[in-house]
Amino acid sequence: MSSDAAGFIGNIPQYYDEGLGPIIFADYAADIARRAAAGRPARVLETAAGTGIVTRKLRDALPGDTQLTATDLNPPMLDMARAKFGPGEQVGFQPADAIALPFADQSFDAVVCQFGVMFFPDKAKSFSEAYRVLAPGGRYLLSVWDSHRYNPFGRIAHEVAARFFPADPPQFYSVPFSCHQIDPIKELLIAAGFGDVGIAVIRQERELPDVAHFARAAVFGNPLIDQIRARGGVDPERVVDALEQEFRREFGGNPGRMPIQAIVFSAARR
C-alpha cells in the first residue's frame, strides 16, 4: 500500500471520521451499501474500510445473517470502526492489504471498496485479488472521486497547501482525485476477468454547517498534516485559517454548500 494510505494514524482517524465523514463520505456510503445489499449477498468483504463509515451502512442495509468482514491496512482506523458496533452485530474486523488479501478463493459474494483504490500502489493486483476472492456471479462495487473540477474542496485544499510551500508543494490532495478517468479503471476490471461493468456518476450537494470545522478536518484528517509538519516552518493552524477563508469564499458561510462528485463501478465475476 502507498505511504499516503499507511499514514492515517495518530489523531488523523478521529478528524477523518468526525470532521470529514458526515460531509463527504456518509451519503456515498449509504448509496454503495444499498447497491451491495440489492444482490442479497451472504458473505461480504469490505476493503479499505477505514473508520467503518461504509461498514456501518453495510451492516444496516444487509440482512442480519449476512457475514460481513471489514479490512483495512491500518489498525488505528479499524479500532475506530470496531467501536461503532455492538457485540452481536456479526462484523469481523481484520487488518489486510487489498493487494494481498488473506482469504481463500471464492470466499465472498460481494466485495465493496469506497474511495480506497486511489491509494493502492498496484491497482491491477487489487482488482485481480477482488476477482479471486469472489464466488462466480459475485459483484465488486468500488467508488472513486471524480476530478478536482467536480470536487472543488479538494482543488482548494491542494492549492492552499501549495501556497505555503511553493518549492515543495504537499501532494496529498492530488492522490484521492487521481483515478477520475473511467476508461483505465474499466480496462483494469476487464483485464482482471470481470464482466457486466456498470458505471454511475453521482453528484451531490452537501451542506457545511461549520465551515471552520470542515477546514480543520481537511488539514488534520489525512496525511496532509504530516506532509506539512515534515516540511516545517509553517504552523498548521495558518493553513487551516487560509483554507477556511477560501472555503467561505467558494461555498458561503455557515451553512455553506458545496458540490461533490464520485464515480461508482459495479462489476461481476463471470
C-alpha atoms as a PDB file:
ATOM      1  CA  MET A   1       0.000   0.000   0.000  1.00  0.00           C
ATOM      2  CA  SER A   2       1.137   3.558  -0.549  1.00  0.00           C
ATOM      3  CA  SER A   3       2.634   5.680   2.187  1.00  0.00           C
ATOM      4  CA  ASP A   4      -0.369   8.007   1.888  1.00  0.00           C
ATOM      5  CA  ALA A   5      -2.709   5.155   2.781  1.00  0.00           C
ATOM      6  CA  ALA A   6      -0.474   3.968   5.602  1.00  0.00           C
ATOM      7  CA  GLY A   7      -0.358   7.480   7.036  1.00  0.00           C
ATOM      8  CA  PHE A   8      -3.855   7.529   8.552  1.00  0.00           C
ATOM      9  CA  ILE A   9      -2.526   7.245  12.111  1.00  0.00           C
ATOM     10  CA  GLY A  10      -2.287   9.265  15.331  1.00  0.00           C
ATOM     11  CA  ASN A  11      -5.174  11.735  15.656  1.00  0.00           C
ATOM     12  CA  ILE A  12      -5.937  11.571  11.942  1.00  0.00           C
ATOM     13  CA  PRO A  13      -8.643   8.867  12.190  1.00  0.00           C
ATOM     14  CA  GLN A  14     -10.736  10.969  14.595  1.00  0.00           C
ATOM     15  CA  TYR A  15     -10.596  14.106  12.424  1.00  0.00           C
ATOM     16  CA  TYR A  16     -11.286  11.948   9.367  1.00  0.00           C
ATOM     17  CA  ASP A  17     -14.274  10.221  10.924  1.00  0.00           C
ATOM     18  CA  GLU A  18     -15.896  13.130  12.737  1.00  0.00           C
ATOM     19  CA  GLY A  19     -14.927  16.077  10.540  1.00  0.00           C
ATOM     20  CA  LEU A  20     -14.869  14.664   7.014  1.00  0.00           C
ATOM     21  CA  GLY A  21     -17.092  11.609   7.393  1.00  0.00           C
ATOM     22  CA  PRO A  22     -20.530  13.250   7.752  1.00  0.00           C
ATOM     23  CA  ILE A  23     -19.820  15.767   4.984  1.00  0.00           C
ATOM     24  CA  ILE A  24     -18.149  13.868   2.142  1.00  0.00           C
ATOM     25  CA  PHE A  25     -18.350  10.151   2.928  1.00  0.00           C
ATOM     26  CA  ALA A  26     -21.603   9.208   4.663  1.00  0.00           C
ATOM     27  CA  ASP A  27     -24.112   9.672   1.834  1.00  0.00           C
ATOM     28  CA  TYR A  28     -21.909   7.858  -0.651  1.00  0.00           C
ATOM     29  CA  ALA A  29     -21.515   5.095   1.931  1.00  0.00           C
ATOM     30  CA  ALA A  30     -25.274   4.697   2.167  1.00  0.00           C
ATOM     31  CA  ASP A  31     -25.514   4.552  -1.623  1.00  0.00           C
ATOM     32  CA  ILE A  32     -22.866   1.872  -2.094  1.00  0.00           C
ATOM     33  CA  ALA A  33     -24.317  -0.140   0.804  1.00  0.00           C
ATOM     34  CA  ARG A  34     -27.734  -0.125  -0.877  1.00  0.00           C
ATOM     35  CA  ARG A  35     -26.143  -1.292  -4.118  1.00  0.00           C
ATOM     36  CA  ALA A  36     -24.374  -4.127  -2.324  1.00  0.00           C
ATOM     37  CA  ALA A  37     -27.475  -5.199  -0.404  1.00  0.00           C
ATOM     38  CA  ALA A  38     -29.591  -5.329  -3.563  1.00  0.00           C
ATOM     39  CA  GLY A  39     -27.828  -8.525  -4.623  1.00  0.00           C
ATOM     40  CA  ARG A  40     -28.611 -10.203  -1.268  1.00  0.00           C
ATOM     41  CA  PRO A  41     -25.064 -11.481  -0.773  1.00  0.00           C
ATOM     42  CA  ALA A  42     -24.485 -13.962   2.046  1.00  0.00           C
ATOM     43  CA  ARG A  43     -20.803 -13.085   2.512  1.00  0.00           C
ATOM     44  CA  VAL A  44     -19.483  -9.534   2.065  1.00  0.00           C
ATOM     45  CA  LEU A  45     -15.908  -8.258   2.203  1.00  0.00           C
ATOM     46  CA  GLU A  46     -15.050  -4.585   2.571  1.00  0.00           C
ATOM     47  CA  THR A  47     -11.531  -3.446   1.712  1.00  0.00           C
ATOM     48  CA  ALA A  48     -10.003  -0.115   2.766  1.00  0.00           C
ATOM     49  CA  ALA A  49     -12.774   0.118   5.361  1.00  0.00           C
ATOM     50  CA  GLY A  50     -11.111   2.968   7.233  1.00  0.00           C
ATOM     51  CA  THR A  51     -13.087   4.084  10.274  1.00  0.00           C
ATOM     52  CA  GLY A  52     -16.118   1.990   9.358  1.00  0.00           C
ATOM     53  CA  ILE A  53     -18.296   4.615   7.698  1.00  0.00           C
ATOM     54  CA  VAL A  54     -19.308   2.213   4.922  1.00  0.00           C
ATOM     55  CA  THR A  55     -19.172  -0.779   7.269  1.00  0.00           C
ATOM     56  CA  ARG A  56     -21.864   0.769   9.442  1.00  0.00           C
ATOM     57  CA  LYS A  57     -24.088   1.436   6.428  1.00  0.00           C
ATOM     58  CA  LEU A  58     -23.489  -2.082   5.094  1.00  0.00           C
ATOM     59  CA  ARG A  59     -24.467  -3.662   8.387  1.00  0.00           C
ATOM     60  CA  ASP A  60     -27.632  -1.566   8.477  1.00  0.00           C
ATOM     61  CA  ALA A  61     -28.556  -2.422   4.874  1.00  0.00           C
ATOM     62  CA  LEU A  62     -27.719  -6.132   4.816  1.00  0.00           C
ATOM     63  CA  PRO A  63     -29.818  -8.923   6.342  1.00  0.00           C
ATOM     64  CA  GLY A  64     -28.791  -9.754   9.875  1.00  0.00           C
ATOM     65  CA  ASP A  65     -27.435 -13.174   8.916  1.00  0.00           C
ATOM     66  CA  THR A  66     -25.123 -11.805   6.222  1.00  0.00           C
ATOM     67  CA  GLN A  67     -21.484 -12.374   7.117  1.00  0.00           C
ATOM     68  CA  LEU A  68     -19.610  -9.051   6.913  1.00  0.00           C
ATOM     69  CA  THR A  69     -15.824  -8.764   7.066  1.00  0.00           C
ATOM     70  CA  ALA A  70     -14.191  -5.328   7.185  1.00  0.00           C
ATOM     71  CA  THR A  71     -10.496  -4.929   6.405  1.00  0.00           C
ATOM     72  CA  ASP A  72      -8.005  -2.083   6.280  1.00  0.00           C
ATOM     73  CA  LEU A  73      -4.239  -1.786   6.255  1.00  0.00           C
ATOM     74  CA  ASN A  74      -4.279   0.457   9.321  1.00  0.00           C
ATOM     75  CA  PRO A  75      -5.202  -0.968  12.739  1.00  0.00           C
ATOM     76  CA  PRO A  76      -5.863   2.534  14.207  1.00  0.00           C
ATOM     77  CA  MET A  77      -8.600   3.092  11.636  1.00  0.00           C
ATOM     78  CA  LEU A  78     -10.099  -0.348  12.303  1.00  0.00           C
ATOM     79  CA  ASP A  79     -10.067   0.307  16.056  1.00  0.00           C
ATOM     80  CA  MET A  80     -12.331   3.297  15.476  1.00  0.00           C
ATOM     81  CA  ALA A  81     -14.523   1.266  13.128  1.00  0.00           C
ATOM     82  CA  ARG A  82     -14.891  -1.539  15.645  1.00  0.00           C
ATOM     83  CA  ALA A  83     -16.210   0.886  18.254  1.00  0.00           C
ATOM     84  CA  LYS A  84     -19.287   1.564  16.077  1.00  0.00           C
ATOM     85  CA  PHE A  85     -20.677  -1.936  16.545  1.00  0.00           C
ATOM     86  CA  GLY A  86     -22.249  -3.933  19.328  1.00  0.00           C
ATOM     87  CA  PRO A  87     -21.085  -7.442  20.214  1.00  0.00           C
ATOM     88  CA  GLY A  88     -23.997  -9.149  18.453  1.00  0.00           C
ATOM     89  CA  GLU A  89     -23.763  -7.425  15.095  1.00  0.00           C
ATOM     90  CA  GLN A  90     -21.683 -10.038  13.284  1.00  0.00           C
ATOM     91  CA  VAL A  91     -18.933  -7.891  11.816  1.00  0.00           C
ATOM     92  CA  GLY A  92     -15.428  -9.272  11.580  1.00  0.00           C
ATOM     93  CA  PHE A  93     -12.502  -6.846  11.554  1.00  0.00           C
ATOM     94  CA  GLN A  94      -9.117  -7.817  10.177  1.00  0.00           C
ATOM     95  CA  PRO A  95      -6.040  -5.847   9.123  1.00  0.00           C
ATOM     96  CA  ALA A  96      -5.402  -6.719   5.480  1.00  0.00           C
ATOM     97  CA  ASP A  97      -3.736  -5.324   2.390  1.00  0.00           C
ATOM     98  CA  ALA A  98      -6.149  -5.077  -0.541  1.00  0.00           C
ATOM     99  CA  ILE A  99      -3.440  -6.159  -2.978  1.00  0.00           C
ATOM    100  CA  ALA A 100      -2.664  -9.328  -0.985  1.00  0.00           C
ATOM    101  CA  LEU A 101      -5.912 -10.459   0.611  1.00  0.00           C
ATOM    102  CA  PRO A 102      -5.576 -13.218   3.235  1.00  0.00           C
ATOM    103  CA  PHE A 103      -8.737 -15.033   2.134  1.00  0.00           C
ATOM    104  CA  ALA A 104      -9.436 -18.182   0.191  1.00  0.00           C
ATOM    105  CA  ASP A 105     -10.552 -18.184  -3.428  1.00  0.00           C
ATOM    106  CA  GLN A 106     -14.294 -17.655  -3.996  1.00  0.00           C
ATOM    107  CA  SER A 107     -14.995 -16.930  -0.324  1.00  0.00           C
ATOM    108  CA  PHE A 108     -17.266 -13.875  -0.770  1.00  0.00           C
ATOM    109  CA  ASP A 109     -20.389 -12.949  -2.731  1.00  0.00           C
ATOM    110  CA  ALA A 110     -19.619  -9.221  -2.801  1.00  0.00           C
ATOM    111  CA  VAL A 111     -16.561  -7.035  -2.339  1.00  0.00           C
ATOM    112  CA  VAL A 112     -17.015  -3.325  -1.544  1.00  0.00           C
ATOM    113  CA  CYS A 113     -14.336  -0.628  -1.651  1.00  0.00           C
ATOM    114  CA  GLN A 114     -15.274   3.033  -1.204  1.00  0.00           C
ATOM    115  CA  PHE A 115     -12.586   5.627  -2.042  1.00  0.00           C
ATOM    116  CA  GLY A 116      -9.720   3.206  -1.476  1.00  0.00           C
ATOM    117  CA  VAL A 117      -8.491   2.258  -4.939  1.00  0.00           C
ATOM    118  CA  MET A 118      -6.730   5.586  -5.431  1.00  0.00           C
ATOM    119  CA  PHE A 119      -4.294   4.660  -2.651  1.00  0.00           C
ATOM    120  CA  PHE A 120      -3.435   1.192  -3.927  1.00  0.00           C
ATOM    121  CA  PRO A 121       0.074   1.129  -5.455  1.00  0.00           C
ATOM    122  CA  ASP A 122      -0.883  -1.784  -7.724  1.00  0.00           C
ATOM    123  CA  LYS A 123      -4.464  -1.247  -8.829  1.00  0.00           C
ATOM    124  CA  ALA A 124      -4.414  -4.155 -11.282  1.00  0.00           C
ATOM    125  CA  LYS A 125      -3.395  -6.507  -8.477  1.00  0.00           C
ATOM    126  CA  SER A 126      -6.127  -5.165  -6.209  1.00  0.00           C
ATOM    127  CA  PHE A 127      -8.712  -5.922  -8.910  1.00  0.00           C
ATOM    128  CA  SER A 128      -7.354  -9.425  -9.512  1.00  0.00           C
ATOM    129  CA  GLU A 129      -7.457 -10.048  -5.753  1.00  0.00           C
ATOM    130  CA  ALA A 130     -11.077  -8.884  -5.594  1.00  0.00           C
ATOM    131  CA  TYR A 131     -11.851 -11.205  -8.502  1.00  0.00           C
ATOM    132  CA  ARG A 132     -10.055 -14.124  -6.857  1.00  0.00           C
ATOM    133  CA  VAL A 133     -11.957 -13.959  -3.569  1.00  0.00           C
ATOM    134  CA  LEU A 134     -15.350 -13.534  -5.260  1.00  0.00           C
ATOM    135  CA  ALA A 135     -17.568 -16.503  -5.966  1.00  0.00           C
ATOM    136  CA  PRO A 136     -18.867 -16.848  -9.542  1.00  0.00           C
ATOM    137  CA  GLY A 137     -21.649 -14.325 -10.039  1.00  0.00           C
ATOM    138  CA  GLY A 138     -20.352 -12.191  -7.160  1.00  0.00           C
ATOM    139  CA  ARG A 139     -20.093  -8.446  -7.539  1.00  0.00           C
ATOM    140  CA  TYR A 140     -17.312  -5.962  -6.941  1.00  0.00           C
ATOM    141  CA  LEU A 141     -18.507  -2.448  -6.037  1.00  0.00           C
ATOM    142  CA  LEU A 142     -15.959   0.329  -5.867  1.00  0.00           C
ATOM    143  CA  SER A 143     -16.043   4.098  -5.884  1.00  0.00           C
ATOM    144  CA  VAL A 144     -13.520   6.802  -6.676  1.00  0.00           C
ATOM    145  CA  TRP A 145     -13.639  10.563  -6.523  1.00  0.00           C
ATOM    146  CA  ASP A 146     -14.138  12.460  -9.738  1.00  0.00           C
ATOM    147  CA  SER A 147     -11.556  15.137 -10.592  1.00  0.00           C
ATOM    148  CA  HIS A 148     -10.789  18.388  -8.788  1.00  0.00           C
ATOM    149  CA  ARG A 149     -13.028  20.097 -11.323  1.00  0.00           C
ATOM    150  CA  TYR A 150     -16.072  18.427  -9.760  1.00  0.00           C
ATOM    151  CA  ASN A 151     -14.746  18.371  -6.174  1.00  0.00           C
ATOM    152  CA  PRO A 152     -13.658  21.951  -5.511  1.00  0.00           C
ATOM    153  CA  PHE A 153     -12.892  21.276  -1.842  1.00  0.00           C
ATOM    154  CA  GLY A 154     -10.035  19.019  -2.962  1.00  0.00           C
ATOM    155  CA  ARG A 155      -8.735  21.522  -5.506  1.00  0.00           C
ATOM    156  CA  ILE A 156      -8.838  24.349  -2.961  1.00  0.00           C
ATOM    157  CA  ALA A 157      -7.081  22.300  -0.263  1.00  0.00           C
ATOM    158  CA  HIS A 158      -4.377  21.332  -2.769  1.00  0.00           C
ATOM    159  CA  GLU A 159      -3.858  24.935  -3.883  1.00  0.00           C
ATOM    160  CA  VAL A 160      -3.864  26.424  -0.376  1.00  0.00           C
ATOM    161  CA  ALA A 161      -1.295  23.916   0.901  1.00  0.00           C
ATOM    162  CA  ALA A 162       0.921  24.626  -2.122  1.00  0.00           C
ATOM    163  CA  ARG A 163       0.782  28.345  -1.382  1.00  0.00           C
ATOM    164  CA  PHE A 164       2.714  27.776   1.849  1.00  0.00           C
ATOM    165  CA  PHE A 165       5.326  25.506   0.272  1.00  0.00           C
ATOM    166  CA  PRO A 166       5.834  26.737  -3.302  1.00  0.00           C
ATOM    167  CA  ALA A 167       9.183  24.961  -3.686  1.00  0.00           C
ATOM    168  CA  ASP A 168       7.863  21.604  -2.488  1.00  0.00           C
ATOM    169  CA  PRO A 169       4.038  21.534  -2.515  1.00  0.00           C
ATOM    170  CA  PRO A 170       2.381  18.816  -0.418  1.00  0.00           C
ATOM    171  CA  GLN A 171       0.878  16.293  -2.803  1.00  0.00           C
ATOM    172  CA  PHE A 172      -1.684  14.506  -0.651  1.00  0.00           C
ATOM    173  CA  TYR A 173      -4.725  16.152  -2.250  1.00  0.00           C
ATOM    174  CA  SER A 174      -3.663  15.036  -5.702  1.00  0.00           C
ATOM    175  CA  VAL A 175      -3.928  11.361  -4.697  1.00  0.00           C
ATOM    176  CA  PRO A 176      -7.643  10.928  -3.811  1.00  0.00           C
ATOM    177  CA  PHE A 177      -8.661  12.522  -7.120  1.00  0.00           C
ATOM    178  CA  SER A 178      -6.157  10.676  -9.307  1.00  0.00           C
ATOM    179  CA  CYS A 179      -8.490   7.943 -10.596  1.00  0.00           C
ATOM    180  CA  HIS A 180     -11.221  10.033 -12.190  1.00  0.00           C
ATOM    181  CA  GLN A 181     -10.649   8.709 -15.713  1.00  0.00           C
ATOM    182  CA  ILE A 182     -13.206   5.988 -16.316  1.00  0.00           C
ATOM    183  CA  ASP A 183     -11.577   4.033 -19.132  1.00  0.00           C
ATOM    184  CA  PRO A 184      -8.396   2.958 -17.285  1.00  0.00           C
ATOM    185  CA  ILE A 185     -10.445   1.520 -14.411  1.00  0.00           C
ATOM    186  CA  LYS A 186     -12.852  -0.175 -16.825  1.00  0.00           C
ATOM    187  CA  GLU A 187      -9.926  -1.719 -18.701  1.00  0.00           C
ATOM    188  CA  LEU A 188      -8.296  -2.962 -15.487  1.00  0.00           C
ATOM    189  CA  LEU A 189     -11.571  -4.544 -14.360  1.00  0.00           C
ATOM    190  CA  ILE A 190     -11.985  -6.314 -17.693  1.00  0.00           C
ATOM    191  CA  ALA A 191      -8.351  -7.436 -17.669  1.00  0.00           C
ATOM    192  CA  ALA A 192      -8.890  -8.936 -14.212  1.00  0.00           C
ATOM    193  CA  GLY A 193     -11.725 -11.049 -15.638  1.00  0.00           C
ATOM    194  CA  PHE A 194     -14.745  -9.010 -14.653  1.00  0.00           C
ATOM    195  CA  GLY A 195     -17.764  -8.535 -16.885  1.00  0.00           C
ATOM    196  CA  ASP A 196     -21.064  -6.655 -16.752  1.00  0.00           C
ATOM    197  CA  VAL A 197     -19.287  -3.453 -15.808  1.00  0.00           C
ATOM    198  CA  GLY A 198     -21.640  -0.666 -14.760  1.00  0.00           C
ATOM    199  CA  ILE A 199     -20.648   2.938 -14.155  1.00  0.00           C
ATOM    200  CA  ALA A 200     -22.596   5.633 -12.298  1.00  0.00           C
ATOM    201  CA  VAL A 201     -21.518   9.261 -11.868  1.00  0.00           C
ATOM    202  CA  ILE A 202     -23.123  10.561  -8.693  1.00  0.00           C
ATOM    203  CA  ARG A 203     -23.167  14.281  -7.950  1.00  0.00           C
ATOM    204  CA  GLN A 204     -24.289  15.604  -4.590  1.00  0.00           C
ATOM    205  CA  GLU A 205     -24.528  18.970  -2.935  1.00  0.00           C
ATOM    206  CA  ARG A 206     -23.501  18.901   0.677  1.00  0.00           C
ATOM    207  CA  GLU A 207     -24.220  21.386   3.438  1.00  0.00           C
ATOM    208  CA  LEU A 208     -21.327  22.665   5.534  1.00  0.00           C
ATOM    209  CA  PRO A 209     -22.879  23.506   8.911  1.00  0.00           C
ATOM    210  CA  ASP A 210     -19.499  24.618  10.285  1.00  0.00           C
ATOM    211  CA  VAL A 211     -17.010  25.710   7.635  1.00  0.00           C
ATOM    212  CA  ALA A 212     -14.186  26.147  10.157  1.00  0.00           C
ATOM    213  CA  HIS A 213     -14.681  22.613  11.458  1.00  0.00           C
ATOM    214  CA  PHE A 214     -14.563  21.202   7.927  1.00  0.00           C
ATOM    215  CA  ALA A 215     -11.426  23.185   7.089  1.00  0.00           C
ATOM    216  CA  ARG A 216      -9.674  21.850  10.179  1.00  0.00           C
ATOM    217  CA  ALA A 217     -10.629  18.281   9.296  1.00  0.00           C
ATOM    218  CA  ALA A 218      -9.451  18.804   5.721  1.00  0.00           C
ATOM    219  CA  VAL A 219      -5.969  19.517   7.093  1.00  0.00           C
ATOM    220  CA  PHE A 220      -5.801  17.275  10.173  1.00  0.00           C
ATOM    221  CA  GLY A 221      -7.951  14.377   8.909  1.00  0.00           C
ATOM    222  CA  ASN A 222      -5.497  12.916   6.407  1.00  0.00           C
ATOM    223  CA  PRO A 223      -1.726  12.703   5.768  1.00  0.00           C
ATOM    224  CA  LEU A 224      -1.619  16.341   4.597  1.00  0.00           C
ATOM    225  CA  ILE A 225      -0.922  17.274   8.218  1.00  0.00           C
ATOM    226  CA  ASP A 226       2.146  15.012   8.257  1.00  0.00           C
ATOM    227  CA  GLN A 227       3.360  16.484   4.964  1.00  0.00           C
ATOM    228  CA  ILE A 228       3.033  19.999   6.424  1.00  0.00           C
ATOM    229  CA  ARG A 229       4.890  19.062   9.607  1.00  0.00           C
ATOM    230  CA  ALA A 230       7.605  17.237   7.694  1.00  0.00           C
ATOM    231  CA  ARG A 231       8.361  20.361   5.653  1.00  0.00           C
ATOM    232  CA  GLY A 232       8.465  22.537   8.766  1.00  0.00           C
ATOM    233  CA  GLY A 233       8.447  26.290   9.148  1.00  0.00           C
ATOM    234  CA  VAL A 234       4.659  26.707   8.910  1.00  0.00           C
ATOM    235  CA  ASP A 235       2.187  26.422  11.758  1.00  0.00           C
ATOM    236  CA  PRO A 236      -0.586  24.076  10.512  1.00  0.00           C
ATOM    237  CA  GLU A 237      -3.106  26.478  12.045  1.00  0.00           C
ATOM    238  CA  ARG A 238      -2.141  29.040   9.395  1.00  0.00           C
ATOM    239  CA  VAL A 239      -3.040  26.525   6.716  1.00  0.00           C
ATOM    240  CA  VAL A 240      -6.362  25.810   8.425  1.00  0.00           C
ATOM    241  CA  ASP A 241      -7.179  29.537   8.618  1.00  0.00           C
ATOM    242  CA  ALA A 242      -6.309  30.124   4.973  1.00  0.00           C
ATOM    243  CA  LEU A 243      -8.336  27.102   3.923  1.00  0.00           C
ATOM    244  CA  GLU A 244     -11.338  28.277   5.915  1.00  0.00           C
ATOM    245  CA  GLN A 245     -11.201  31.652   4.177  1.00  0.00           C
ATOM    246  CA  GLU A 246     -11.102  30.027   0.738  1.00  0.00           C
ATOM    247  CA  PHE A 247     -13.913  27.628   1.605  1.00  0.00           C
ATOM    248  CA  ARG A 248     -16.074  30.533   2.766  1.00  0.00           C
ATOM    249  CA  ARG A 249     -15.301  32.431  -0.435  1.00  0.00           C
ATOM    250  CA  GLU A 250     -16.248  29.450  -2.571  1.00  0.00           C
ATOM    251  CA  PHE A 251     -19.076  27.835  -0.594  1.00  0.00           C
ATOM    252  CA  GLY A 252     -20.518  30.593   1.585  1.00  0.00           C
ATOM    253  CA  GLY A 253     -20.784  30.952   5.350  1.00  0.00           C
ATOM    254  CA  ASN A 254     -22.462  28.752   7.929  1.00  0.00           C
ATOM    255  CA  PRO A 255     -24.085  26.865   6.460  1.00  0.00           C
ATOM    256  CA  GLY A 256     -22.041  26.635   3.298  1.00  0.00           C
ATOM    257  CA  ARG A 257     -22.978  24.475   0.335  1.00  0.00           C
ATOM    258  CA  MET A 258     -20.544  22.614  -1.874  1.00  0.00           C
ATOM    259  CA  PRO A 259     -20.776  20.158  -4.751  1.00  0.00           C
ATOM    260  CA  ILE A 260     -19.021  16.818  -4.655  1.00  0.00           C
ATOM    261  CA  GLN A 261     -18.948  14.078  -7.282  1.00  0.00           C
ATOM    262  CA  ALA A 262     -17.958  10.419  -7.263  1.00  0.00           C
ATOM    263  CA  ILE A 263     -17.894   7.550  -9.743  1.00  0.00           C
ATOM    264  CA  VAL A 264     -19.212   4.131  -8.734  1.00  0.00           C
ATOM    265  CA  PHE A 265     -18.226   0.995 -10.626  1.00  0.00           C
ATOM    266  CA  SER A 266     -20.015  -2.345 -10.420  1.00  0.00           C
ATOM    267  CA  ALA A 267     -18.536  -5.475 -11.971  1.00  0.00           C
ATOM    268  CA  ALA A 268     -19.409  -9.157 -11.842  1.00  0.00           C
ATOM    269  CA  ARG A 269     -17.201 -12.213 -11.644  1.00  0.00           C
ATOM    270  CA  ARG A 270     -18.013 -14.433 -14.564  1.00  0.00           C
END
